[in-house]
Protein backbone atom coordinates (compact mmCIF):
# COMPACT_ATOMS: atom_id res chain seq x y z
CA MET A 1 0.04 -0.12 0.10
CA ASP A 2 1.01 3.80 -0.51
CA GLU A 3 0.95 4.53 3.02
CA LYS A 4 2.17 7.81 2.50
CA LYS A 5 -0.25 9.06 0.49
CA LEU A 6 -2.89 7.69 2.61
CA ARG A 7 -1.83 9.78 5.65
CA ASN A 8 -1.27 12.76 3.24
CA LEU A 9 -4.91 12.82 2.89
CA TYR A 10 -5.81 12.21 6.29
CA THR A 11 -3.46 15.14 7.35
CA LYS A 12 -5.23 17.26 4.71
CA MET A 13 -8.38 16.42 6.15
CA GLN A 14 -7.06 17.51 9.36
CA TYR A 15 -7.72 14.04 11.18
CA ASN A 16 -5.55 13.39 14.51
CA SER A 17 -2.83 10.50 14.51
CA LYS A 18 -4.95 7.98 15.92
CA ILE A 19 -7.46 8.41 13.44
CA THR A 20 -4.65 7.96 10.54
CA ASP A 21 -3.06 5.31 12.50
CA ALA A 22 -6.66 3.32 12.39
CA ALA A 23 -7.29 4.20 8.79
CA VAL A 24 -3.48 2.91 7.86
CA LYS A 25 -4.30 -0.61 9.61
CA SER A 26 -7.54 -0.97 7.81
CA ILE A 27 -6.14 -0.50 4.55
CA ARG A 28 -2.92 -2.94 5.93
CA GLU A 29 -5.56 -5.64 6.75
CA LEU A 30 -7.19 -5.31 3.46
CA GLU A 31 -3.92 -5.65 1.78
CA LYS A 32 -3.49 -8.90 3.86
CA TYR A 33 -6.63 -10.40 2.89
CA LEU A 34 -6.01 -9.40 -1.11
CA HIS A 35 -2.73 -11.20 -0.73
CA GLN A 36 -4.53 -14.43 0.54
CA GLU A 37 -6.80 -13.93 -2.46
CA LYS A 38 -4.20 -13.22 -5.06
CA LYS A 39 -5.42 -10.00 -5.76
CA MET A 40 -3.85 -6.18 -5.82
CA PHE A 41 -5.32 -3.18 -4.99
CA GLU A 42 -4.73 -2.12 -8.91
CA THR A 43 -6.92 -5.17 -10.00
CA VAL A 44 -9.33 -6.00 -7.35
CA THR A 45 -13.07 -5.81 -8.63
CA VAL A 46 -16.09 -4.58 -7.24
CA GLU A 47 -17.38 -8.25 -6.62
CA ASP A 48 -13.91 -9.07 -4.74
CA ILE A 49 -14.41 -6.06 -2.22
CA LYS A 50 -18.21 -6.88 -1.80
CA LYS A 51 -16.69 -10.24 -0.59
CA TYR A 52 -14.82 -8.42 1.60
CA ILE A 53 -17.46 -5.89 3.34
CA ILE A 54 -19.42 -9.23 4.08
CA LYS A 55 -16.37 -10.58 5.73
CA LEU A 56 -16.24 -7.48 7.90
CA LEU A 57 -20.14 -7.85 8.45
CA GLU A 58 -19.51 -11.27 9.75
CA ASN A 59 -16.96 -10.25 12.22
CA LYS A 60 -18.58 -7.16 13.39
CA GLN A 61 -15.56 -4.94 11.76
CA ASN A 62 -17.84 -2.93 9.53
CA SER A 63 -17.22 0.62 11.50
CA ILE A 64 -17.88 3.30 9.41
CA GLU A 65 -14.48 4.46 10.29
CA ARG A 66 -13.07 1.36 8.48
CA ILE A 67 -15.05 1.54 5.52
CA LEU A 68 -14.69 5.41 5.00
CA ALA A 69 -10.75 4.36 5.11
CA ILE A 70 -11.04 1.68 2.33
CA ALA A 71 -13.21 4.03 0.20
CA ARG A 72 -10.83 6.84 0.33
CA TYR A 73 -7.82 4.73 -0.47
CA PHE A 74 -9.33 3.51 -3.47
CA TYR A 75 -10.27 7.14 -4.51
CA LEU A 76 -6.63 7.87 -4.11
CA LEU A 77 -5.94 5.00 -6.22
CA ASN A 78 -8.39 6.34 -8.95
CA ARG A 79 -10.27 3.14 -8.80
CA LYS A 80 -13.29 4.73 -9.72
CA GLU A 81 -15.97 1.92 -9.96
CA ILE A 82 -15.10 0.85 -6.63
CA TYR A 83 -15.18 4.26 -5.21
CA VAL A 84 -18.52 4.73 -6.64
CA TYR A 85 -19.67 1.53 -5.09
CA PHE A 86 -18.78 2.54 -1.47
CA ALA A 87 -20.42 6.20 -2.35
CA SER A 88 -23.54 4.07 -3.23
CA THR A 89 -23.47 2.23 -0.05
CA LEU A 90 -22.75 5.19 2.13
CA GLY A 91 -25.36 7.50 0.67
CA GLY A 92 -28.17 6.30 3.28
CA LEU A 93 -26.08 7.18 6.29
CA GLY A 94 -28.10 8.99 9.06
CA VAL A 95 -31.30 8.89 6.66
CA ILE A 96 -33.50 6.64 8.69
CA ASP A 97 -32.36 8.36 11.72
CA ASN A 98 -33.52 11.66 10.43
CA ILE A 99 -37.03 10.16 9.25
CA LYS A 100 -37.59 8.80 12.57
CA LYS A 101 -37.02 12.18 14.07
CA ARG A 102 -39.39 13.87 11.55
CA THR A 103 -42.08 11.06 12.47
CA VAL A 104 -41.84 12.06 15.90
CA LYS A 105 -42.27 15.98 14.81
CA PHE A 106 -45.25 15.44 12.64
CA ALA A 107 -47.04 12.47 14.03
CA GLY A 108 -45.78 11.97 17.47
CA LYS A 109 -43.69 9.12 19.10
CA GLU A 110 -46.15 6.43 19.42
CA LYS A 111 -46.64 6.31 15.59
CA MET A 112 -42.80 6.29 14.97
CA LYS A 113 -42.51 3.18 17.14
CA ASN A 114 -45.55 1.57 15.41
CA ILE A 115 -43.97 2.20 12.13
CA PHE A 116 -40.40 1.03 13.09
CA LYS A 117 -41.09 -1.70 15.39
CA ASP A 118 -39.24 -4.70 15.32
CA LEU A 119 -37.39 -3.22 12.30
CA PRO A 120 -33.98 -2.63 13.01
CA GLU A 121 -32.11 -0.60 10.47
CA PRO A 122 -29.39 -2.86 8.10
CA PRO A 123 -25.84 -2.00 9.43
CA ILE A 124 -23.33 -0.34 7.43
CA GLY A 125 -22.13 -2.37 4.86
CA THR A 126 -25.02 -4.48 4.09
CA PRO A 127 -25.13 -5.49 0.41
CA LEU A 128 -27.41 -3.17 -1.57
CA GLU A 129 -29.49 -6.04 -2.95
CA GLU A 130 -30.69 -6.56 0.95
CA LEU A 131 -31.99 -3.01 1.51
CA PRO A 132 -34.97 -2.79 -0.82
CA ALA A 133 -37.10 -5.61 1.48
CA PHE A 134 -36.19 -3.10 4.18
CA THR A 135 -37.62 -0.37 2.81
CA GLN A 136 -40.65 -1.74 1.34
CA LYS A 137 -41.76 -2.63 4.90
CA ILE A 138 -41.20 0.87 6.03
CA ILE A 139 -43.00 2.63 3.18
CA GLN A 140 -45.62 0.21 3.87
CA ARG A 141 -46.22 0.76 7.43
CA PHE A 142 -46.10 4.54 6.59
CA LYS A 143 -49.36 4.15 4.07
CA ASN A 144 -50.91 1.82 7.12
CA ASN A 145 -50.29 4.22 9.70
CA LEU A 146 -50.53 7.85 8.30
CA PRO A 147 -52.62 9.79 5.74
CA GLU A 148 -51.00 10.27 2.48
CA LYS A 149 -49.94 14.02 2.80
CA LYS A 150 -48.63 13.31 6.36
CA TYR A 151 -46.26 10.50 5.58
CA GLN A 152 -45.15 12.47 2.22
CA LYS A 153 -44.39 15.89 4.47
CA ILE A 154 -42.10 13.36 6.97
CA LEU A 155 -40.31 11.82 3.94
CA ALA A 156 -39.88 15.29 2.26
CA GLY A 157 -37.34 16.45 4.90
CA ASN A 158 -33.42 17.15 4.77
CA ASN A 159 -33.07 13.39 5.44
CA HIS A 160 -29.24 13.32 4.34
CA GLY A 161 -28.49 16.09 6.85
CA MET A 162 -27.15 18.61 4.19
CA PRO A 163 -25.27 21.30 6.41
CA LYS A 164 -27.15 24.59 5.70
CA THR A 165 -23.77 26.80 6.35
CA PRO A 166 -22.24 26.28 2.68
CA LEU A 167 -26.04 27.34 1.07
CA LEU A 168 -25.86 30.40 3.00
CA LYS A 169 -23.33 31.76 0.41
CA GLU A 170 -25.77 30.49 -2.14
CA LYS A 171 -28.46 32.97 -0.56
CA LYS A 172 -26.19 35.89 -0.69
CA VAL A 173 -25.76 35.39 -4.64
CA TYR A 174 -29.59 35.08 -4.84
CA GLU A 175 -30.17 38.09 -3.00
CA LYS A 176 -27.44 40.09 -4.99
CA LEU A 177 -29.27 39.33 -8.47
CA ALA A 178 -32.34 40.73 -9.87
CA SER A 179 -34.65 38.08 -9.72
CA LEU A 180 -34.99 34.46 -8.92
CA ASP A 181 -34.86 33.52 -12.72
CA GLU A 182 -31.64 35.24 -13.16
CA TYR A 183 -30.26 33.27 -10.14
CA LEU A 184 -31.48 29.80 -11.29
CA LYS A 185 -29.96 30.61 -14.94
CA ASN A 186 -26.55 31.56 -13.12
CA ARG A 187 -26.83 28.66 -10.61
CA HIS A 188 -27.05 26.21 -13.61
CA LYS A 189 -24.25 27.80 -15.46
CA LYS A 190 -21.96 27.41 -12.46
CA GLN A 191 -23.01 23.86 -12.06
CA VAL A 192 -22.22 22.77 -15.66
CA GLU A 193 -18.89 24.72 -15.33
CA ILE A 194 -18.36 22.51 -12.50
CA LEU A 195 -18.92 19.28 -14.26
CA GLN A 196 -16.98 20.38 -17.24
CA LYS A 197 -13.91 20.85 -14.93
CA HIS A 198 -14.22 17.48 -13.28
CA CYS A 199 -14.97 15.89 -16.68
CA ASP A 200 -11.71 17.68 -17.68
CA GLU A 201 -9.45 16.65 -15.01
CA ASN A 202 -10.88 13.16 -14.78
CA LYS A 203 -12.43 13.49 -11.53
CA ILE A 204 -15.30 11.83 -9.65
CA TRP A 205 -18.25 14.17 -8.96
CA PHE A 206 -19.76 13.23 -5.56
CA GLU A 207 -20.77 9.54 -6.42
CA GLN A 208 -20.89 10.80 -10.49
CA ILE A 209 -18.38 9.83 -13.16
CA ILE A 210 -18.67 12.84 -15.65
CA THR A 211 -18.06 12.31 -19.33
CA GLN A 212 -18.09 15.44 -22.07
CA LYS A 213 -21.93 13.42 -22.80
CA VAL A 214 -22.79 14.08 -19.30
CA VAL A 215 -21.93 17.70 -19.25
CA ASP A 216 -23.61 18.27 -22.74
CA PHE A 217 -26.54 16.17 -21.16
CA VAL A 218 -27.05 18.72 -17.90
CA LYS A 219 -26.18 21.93 -20.42
CA GLU A 220 -29.02 21.36 -22.11
CA ASN A 221 -31.83 21.16 -19.20
CA GLN A 222 -31.69 23.91 -16.86
CA GLU A 223 -33.92 21.81 -14.38
CA ILE A 224 -30.93 19.30 -13.71
CA LEU A 225 -28.59 20.96 -10.85
CA SER A 226 -30.67 24.17 -10.92
CA ALA A 227 -34.75 24.63 -11.60
CA VAL A 228 -37.09 26.73 -13.96
CA ARG A 229 -39.50 28.92 -12.66
CA LYS A 230 -43.40 28.82 -13.98
CA GLY A 231 -45.35 31.10 -11.96
CA ASN A 232 -44.78 30.06 -8.19
CA LYS A 233 -43.48 26.53 -8.94
CA LEU A 234 -39.84 25.50 -9.50
CA TYR A 235 -39.39 22.28 -11.67
CA VAL A 236 -36.58 20.24 -11.02
CA THR A 237 -35.15 17.14 -12.64
CA LYS A 238 -32.81 15.09 -10.61
CA ILE A 239 -29.59 14.12 -12.41
CA PRO A 240 -29.23 10.39 -12.84
CA PHE A 241 -27.03 8.63 -10.36
CA ASN A 242 -24.72 6.97 -13.09
CA PRO A 243 -25.39 9.46 -15.80
CA ASP A 244 -22.88 8.21 -18.29
CA LYS A 245 -24.32 4.71 -18.66
CA PHE A 246 -27.65 6.23 -18.18
CA LEU A 247 -27.35 8.16 -21.52
CA THR A 248 -26.02 4.92 -23.46
CA GLU A 249 -28.39 2.21 -22.15
CA THR A 250 -31.31 1.31 -24.03
CA ASN A 251 -33.24 -1.14 -21.80
CA PRO A 252 -36.00 0.27 -19.96
CA LYS A 253 -35.57 -1.20 -16.62
CA ILE A 254 -31.54 -0.91 -16.75
CA LYS A 255 -32.03 2.63 -18.03
CA ARG A 256 -34.34 3.39 -14.64
CA TYR A 257 -31.88 1.68 -12.58
CA PHE A 258 -28.91 4.00 -13.53
CA ALA A 259 -31.09 6.71 -13.24
CA CYS A 260 -31.97 6.04 -9.22
CA HIS A 261 -29.85 7.52 -6.36
CA CYS A 262 -31.21 5.79 -3.44
CA PRO A 263 -29.26 3.04 -2.19
CA PHE A 264 -32.57 1.95 0.09
CA ALA A 265 -34.31 1.37 -3.21
CA ARG A 266 -32.24 1.21 -6.11
CA GLU A 267 -31.80 -2.64 -6.41
CA ALA A 268 -35.47 -3.06 -6.27
CA ILE A 269 -35.85 -1.95 -9.87
CA LEU A 270 -34.08 -5.02 -10.78
CA GLN A 271 -35.76 -7.35 -8.40
CA LYS A 272 -38.86 -9.43 -8.99
CA ASN A 273 -39.81 -10.21 -5.52
CA VAL A 274 -39.79 -6.42 -4.05
CA LYS A 275 -41.57 -3.64 -5.18
CA ILE A 276 -41.12 -0.31 -3.27
CA HIS A 277 -44.23 2.03 -3.45
CA HIS A 278 -43.17 5.62 -5.32
CA ASP A 279 -44.04 7.48 -2.51
CA TRP A 280 -40.59 6.68 -1.02
CA CYS A 281 -39.26 9.00 -3.58
CA TYR A 282 -40.52 11.95 -1.61
CA CYS A 283 -37.28 11.67 0.63
CA SER A 284 -35.40 12.43 -2.69
CA ALA A 285 -37.71 15.19 -3.19
CA GLY A 286 -36.70 16.43 0.11
CA TYR A 287 -33.18 16.48 -0.57
CA GLU A 288 -33.80 18.38 -4.03
CA LYS A 289 -35.72 21.16 -2.26
CA PHE A 290 -33.66 21.69 0.70
CA PRO A 291 -31.40 24.23 -0.95
CA PHE A 292 -34.09 26.38 -2.18
CA GLU A 293 -35.69 26.72 1.24
CA VAL A 294 -32.26 27.65 2.64
CA ILE A 295 -32.02 30.18 -0.40
CA LEU A 296 -35.46 31.60 -0.05
CA ASN A 297 -35.91 31.37 3.58
CA GLN A 298 -38.89 29.58 3.82
CA GLU A 299 -40.29 26.16 4.05
CA LEU A 300 -41.52 24.54 0.84
CA ASP A 301 -44.34 22.13 -0.31
CA VAL A 302 -42.84 19.52 -2.93
CA LYS A 303 -44.46 16.91 -4.93
CA VAL A 304 -43.24 13.77 -6.84
CA LEU A 305 -44.10 14.27 -10.54
CA GLU A 306 -42.40 11.69 -12.05
CA SER A 307 -40.30 8.77 -10.58
CA VAL A 308 -38.24 5.91 -11.89
CA LEU A 309 -39.87 3.48 -9.06
CA LYS A 310 -43.13 4.47 -10.65
CA GLY A 311 -41.94 3.54 -14.05
CA ASP A 312 -40.40 7.03 -15.34
CA ASN A 313 -36.90 7.14 -16.94
CA ARG A 314 -36.25 10.13 -14.37
CA CYS A 315 -37.22 11.55 -11.13
CA ARG A 316 -38.73 15.12 -11.42
CA PHE A 317 -40.30 17.41 -8.62
CA VAL A 318 -42.78 20.68 -8.76
CA ILE A 319 -41.43 22.91 -5.47
CA THR A 320 -44.10 25.60 -4.52
CA ILE A 321 -42.88 29.03 -3.46
CA LYS A 322 -45.09 30.84 -1.09
CA ASN A 323 -44.86 34.59 -0.10
CA LYS A 324 -42.10 35.32 -2.17
CA LYS A 325 -41.43 38.28 -4.51
CA LEU A 326 -40.08 36.91 -7.66
C-alpha cells in the first residue's frame, strides 16, 4: 500500500494521528486479505470488495471509520468504480434516523414506534441487494399508519443531513441578483462549469463519473442541478446516479436503475420479489428542495411528478414557493 499517500490525505482532512493510524491499519488488513486471495489493489474488482465487506460484517468489523478508510484509499488510487460502489453504499447514512425524528415531530412518538417496531436498520456495509425489503416494509407501514399527505411531508425532509452553512453563500448570491430567474440561470451555468472541470480533470463528482456527454446532457436542461420557474413553481429534474451509463442504456429497466440514487431502493428496480411504492421518492424530493428552502428562507412544499420507482425514466419534482417576490 502507499501509506504516505493515505497519511497525506488524512493530514489534509485534519484528522488526528489516532484516526490516521487506524485508517492505515484498516488498509494494511485489507492488503493482507487481498494477498491471500492473490489480488492486488490495482486489479481487485467491485465483487471482490463486496466479499470483503461481507467478511467484515460477519466479524462485526464494519465500522464507519474502516469503511470510509477503504473508500478513500481507492479514491486515491483512482479506482473509480470501487469508490462509486462505496459512495452508493454510504449514501444512506443517517437517513433513517432523520426520518424517525421527523415522524416524531409530525406524527408523534407512538406512531414512530409503530412504524419502526421490530424493524432494525441494516448495519453499514449491508449488501445493497438486501436493502429494498427493509424499505418496502417502511413505506408500507407509513401508508398503513398515516394519511398520505402527512407521511409524504415526513419523508420530504433534509433526511441526508445537508449542512446549511454552505448554502448561505448561495443565499447571498441570490439576494444580489435581480430575480429568482436570473439566479436559477446563473446557478445552472456554474454547475455545468463544475461538471466540465471534473470531466476535463478526469475526477469523480460526488458519486458520478463525468464524461463530456454528461456535461452536454446537463447543459441542455436547466432543471438539472438548478430549476426552471413557472409562476410560483420550481421544476427540478434529478441528475441520474450513473449519468454516463444512463445516457447509453437502451433497456428501459436498466436505464431506470442507472437513474436511481437511493441506496435503499435502487436494487428493487432489478428485483422481481420486491416492489417499493413510489412515495418513497418523497425523500429524494426533500433532498432537492432543501437548498431552495435555505436560499428563499422559507419552508417549501414539494410534489413528486415522475419517479423511476413508478416506471418513469427520471425523477422530477415541483416545488411551490409561498409569499415570495419573484
